[in-house]
Amino acid sequence: MLALRLLNVVAPAYFLCISLVTFVLQLFLFLPSMREDPAAA
């Protein structure tokens, strides 16, 4: 029962951290390339 409650707390936080990390990675990887493309073209 305790493990289930712990999982209920940890799982959403884990999911939020993963999505936040992927969002930040996309921001750092894709935004500079989008900014450089119009300048190059």
PDB file of N, CA and C in Angstrom:
ATOM      1  N   MET A   1       0.839  -1.204   0.000  1.00  0.00           N
ATOM      2  CA  MET A   1       0.000   0.000   0.000  1.00  0.00           C
ATOM      3  C   MET A   1       0.880   1.261   0.000  1.00  0.00           C
ATOM      4  N   LEU A   2       1.944   1.234   0.799  1.00  0.00           N
ATOM      5  CA  LEU A   2       2.850   2.381   0.874  1.00  0.00           C
ATOM      6  C   LEU A   2       3.585   2.568  -0.449  1.00  0.00           C
ATOM      7  N   ALA A   3       3.993   1.437  -1.049  1.00  0.00           N
ATOM      8  CA  ALA A   3       4.704   1.508  -2.325  1.00  0.00           C
ATOM      9  C   ALA A   3       3.799   2.101  -3.406  1.00  0.00           C
ATOM     10  N   LEU A   4       2.518   1.737  -3.360  1.00  0.00           N
ATOM     11  CA  LEU A   4       1.568   2.240  -4.355  1.00  0.00           C
ATOM     12  C   LEU A   4       1.394   3.753  -4.210  1.00  0.00           C
ATOM     13  N   ARG A   5       1.302   4.204  -2.971  1.00  0.00           N
ATOM     14  CA  ARG A   5       1.158   5.644  -2.727  1.00  0.00           C
ATOM     15  C   ARG A   5       2.424   6.386  -3.169  1.00  0.00           C
ATOM     16  N   LEU A   6       3.575   5.797  -2.889  1.00  0.00           N
ATOM     17  CA  LEU A   6       4.849   6.391  -3.285  1.00  0.00           C
ATOM     18  C   LEU A   6       4.930   6.492  -4.801  1.00  0.00           C
ATOM     19  N   LEU A   7       4.487   5.428  -5.477  1.00  0.00           N
ATOM     20  CA  LEU A   7       4.485   5.425  -6.938  1.00  0.00           C
ATOM     21  C   LEU A   7       3.540   6.503  -7.468  1.00  0.00           C
ATOM     22  N   ASN A   8       2.405   6.675  -6.803  1.00  0.00           N
ATOM     23  CA  ASN A   8       1.439   7.702  -7.203  1.00  0.00           C
ATOM     24  C   ASN A   8       2.039   9.101  -7.114  1.00  0.00           C
ATOM     25  N   VAL A   9       2.960   9.296  -6.170  1.00  0.00           N
ATOM     26  CA  VAL A   9       3.597  10.607  -6.003  1.00  0.00           C
ATOM     27  C   VAL A   9       4.779  10.763  -6.954  1.00  0.00           C
ATOM     28  N   VAL A  10       5.558   9.699  -7.106  1.00  0.00           N
ATOM     29  CA  VAL A  10       6.799   9.777  -7.876  1.00  0.00           C
ATOM     30  C   VAL A  10       6.539   9.797  -9.378  1.00  0.00           C
ATOM     31  N   ALA A  11       5.569   9.000  -9.841  1.00  0.00           N
ATOM     32  CA  ALA A  11       5.337   8.870 -11.278  1.00  0.00           C
ATOM     33  C   ALA A  11       5.009  10.203 -11.967  1.00  0.00           C
ATOM     34  N   PRO A  12       4.069  11.013 -11.460  1.00  0.00           N
ATOM     35  CA  PRO A  12       3.785  12.295 -12.124  1.00  0.00           C
ATOM     36  C   PRO A  12       4.990  13.235 -12.101  1.00  0.00           C
ATOM     37  N   ALA A  13       5.715  13.275 -10.986  1.00  0.00           N
ATOM     38  CA  ALA A  13       6.880  14.142 -10.882  1.00  0.00           C
ATOM     39  C   ALA A  13       7.954  13.693 -11.872  1.00  0.00           C
ATOM     40  N   TYR A  14       8.152  12.374 -11.990  1.00  0.00           N
ATOM     41  CA  TYR A  14       9.112  11.816 -12.931  1.00  0.00           C
ATOM     42  C   TYR A  14       8.728  12.182 -14.357  1.00  0.00           C
ATOM     43  N   PHE A  15       7.445  12.048 -14.680  1.00  0.00           N
ATOM     44  CA  PHE A  15       6.945  12.373 -16.017  1.00  0.00           C
ATOM     45  C   PHE A  15       7.136  13.855 -16.314  1.00  0.00           C
ATOM     46  N   LEU A  16       6.849  14.703 -15.320  1.00  0.00           N
ATOM     47  CA  LEU A  16       7.015  16.144 -15.499  1.00  0.00           C
ATOM     48  C   LEU A  16       8.479  16.494 -15.737  1.00  0.00           C
ATOM     49  N   CYS A  17       9.376  15.864 -14.994  1.00  0.00           N
ATOM     50  CA  CYS A  17      10.807  16.132 -15.160  1.00  0.00           C
ATOM     51  C   CYS A  17      11.266  15.725 -16.547  1.00  0.00           C
ATOM     52  N   ILE A  18      10.812  14.549 -17.027  1.00  0.00           N
ATOM     53  CA  ILE A  18      11.209  14.074 -18.348  1.00  0.00           C
ATOM     54  C   ILE A  18      10.706  15.014 -19.433  1.00  0.00           C
ATOM     55  N   SER A  19       9.453  15.421 -19.344  1.00  0.00           N
ATOM     56  CA  SER A  19       8.892  16.308 -20.368  1.00  0.00           C
ATOM     57  C   SER A  19       9.571  17.676 -20.326  1.00  0.00           C
ATOM     58  N   LEU A  20       9.908  18.145 -19.129  1.00  0.00           N
ATOM     59  CA  LEU A  20      10.594  19.428 -19.001  1.00  0.00           C
ATOM     60  C   LEU A  20      11.980  19.361 -19.628  1.00  0.00           C
ATOM     61  N   VAL A  21      12.694  18.257 -19.374  1.00  0.00           N
ATOM     62  CA  VAL A  21      14.036  18.088 -19.940  1.00  0.00           C
ATOM     63  C   VAL A  21      13.975  18.033 -21.459  1.00  0.00           C
ATOM     64  N   THR A  22      13.019  17.285 -22.006  1.00  0.00           N
ATOM     65  CA  THR A  22      12.903  17.194 -23.465  1.00  0.00           C
ATOM     66  C   THR A  22      12.525  18.546 -24.053  1.00  0.00           C
ATOM     67  N   PHE A  23      11.665  19.307 -23.352  1.00  0.00           N
ATOM     68  CA  PHE A  23      11.277  20.637 -23.824  1.00  0.00           C
ATOM     69  C   PHE A  23      12.481  21.566 -23.876  1.00  0.00           C
ATOM     70  N   VAL A  24      13.303  21.533 -22.822  1.00  0.00           N
ATOM     71  CA  VAL A  24      14.495  22.391 -22.769  1.00  0.00           C
ATOM     72  C   VAL A  24      15.487  21.979 -23.851  1.00  0.00           C
ATOM     73  N   LEU A  25      15.642  20.667 -24.051  1.00  0.00           N
ATOM     74  CA  LEU A  25      16.550  20.187 -25.095  1.00  0.00           C
ATOM     75  C   LEU A  25      16.085  20.653 -26.463  1.00  0.00           C
ATOM     76  N   GLN A  26      14.792  20.566 -26.724  1.00  0.00           N
ATOM     77  CA  GLN A  26      14.248  21.034 -27.999  1.00  0.00           C
ATOM     78  C   GLN A  26      14.496  22.524 -28.158  1.00  0.00           C
ATOM     79  N   LEU A  27      14.315  23.277 -27.082  1.00  0.00           N
ATOM     80  CA  LEU A  27      14.538  24.717 -27.112  1.00  0.00           C
ATOM     81  C   LEU A  27      15.982  25.023 -27.504  1.00  0.00           C
ATOM     82  N   PHE A  28      16.943  24.331 -26.875  1.00  0.00           N
ATOM     83  CA  PHE A  28      18.355  24.616 -27.127  1.00  0.00           C
ATOM     84  C   PHE A  28      18.828  24.072 -28.463  1.00  0.00           C
ATOM     85  N   LEU A  29      18.211  22.956 -28.938  1.00  0.00           N
ATOM     86  CA  LEU A  29      18.688  22.337 -30.175  1.00  0.00           C
ATOM     87  C   LEU A  29      18.021  22.920 -31.403  1.00  0.00           C
ATOM     88  N   PHE A  30      16.713  23.176 -31.327  1.00  0.00           N
ATOM     89  CA  PHE A  30      15.966  23.536 -32.540  1.00  0.00           C
ATOM     90  C   PHE A  30      15.833  25.042 -32.739  1.00  0.00           C
ATOM     91  N   LEU A  31      15.769  25.822 -31.646  1.00  0.00           N
ATOM     92  CA  LEU A  31      15.610  27.268 -31.804  1.00  0.00           C
ATOM     93  C   LEU A  31      16.826  27.926 -32.458  1.00  0.00           C
ATOM     94  N   PRO A  32      18.059  27.594 -32.076  1.00  0.00           N
ATOM     95  CA  PRO A  32      19.211  28.205 -32.757  1.00  0.00           C
ATOM     96  C   PRO A  32      19.253  27.868 -34.243  1.00  0.00           C
ATOM     97  N   SER A  33      18.916  26.655 -34.619  1.00  0.00           N
ATOM     98  CA  SER A  33      18.930  26.265 -36.035  1.00  0.00           C
ATOM     99  C   SER A  33      17.841  27.022 -36.790  1.00  0.00           C
ATOM    100  N   MET A  34      16.692  27.252 -36.138  1.00  0.00           N
ATOM    101  CA  MET A  34      15.621  28.022 -36.765  1.00  0.00           C
ATOM    102  C   MET A  34      16.041  29.478 -36.929  1.00  0.00           C
ATOM    103  N   ARG A  35      16.815  29.984 -35.992  1.00  0.00           N
ATOM    104  CA  ARG A  35      17.269  31.368 -36.048  1.00  0.00           C
ATOM    105  C   ARG A  35      18.339  31.551 -37.123  1.00  0.00           C
ATOM    106  N   GLU A  36      19.179  30.534 -37.306  1.00  0.00           N
ATOM    107  CA  GLU A  36      20.282  30.660 -38.258  1.00  0.00           C
ATOM    108  C   GLU A  36      19.824  30.455 -39.697  1.00  0.00           C
ATOM    109  N   ASP A  37      18.755  29.685 -39.892  1.00  0.00           N
ATOM    110  CA  ASP A  37      18.314  29.370 -41.254  1.00  0.00           C
ATOM    111  C   ASP A  37      17.905  30.602 -42.071  1.00  0.00           C
ATOM    112  N   PRO A  38      17.101  31.519 -41.539  1.00  0.00           N
ATOM    113  CA  PRO A  38      16.747  32.708 -42.336  1.00  0.00           C
ATOM    114  C   PRO A  38      17.970  33.564 -42.646  1.00  0.00           C
ATOM    115  N   ALA A  39      18.919  33.632 -41.737  1.00  0.00           N
ATOM    116  CA  ALA A  39      20.125  34.427 -41.958  1.00  0.00           C
ATOM    117  C   ALA A  39      20.973  33.803 -43.062  1.00  0.00           C
ATOM    118  N   ALA A  40      21.026  32.479 -43.080  1.00  0.00           N
ATOM    119  CA  ALA A  40      21.814  31.788 -44.108  1.00  0.00           C
ATOM    120  C   ALA A  40      21.119  31.892 -45.454  1.00  0.00           C
ATOM    121  N   ALA A  41      19.781  31.817 -45.450  1.00  0.00           N
ATOM    122  CA  ALA A  41      19.022  31.907 -46.701  1.00  0.00           C
ATOM    123  C   ALA A  41      18.717  33.364 -47.011  1.00  0.00           C
TER     124      ALA A  41
END
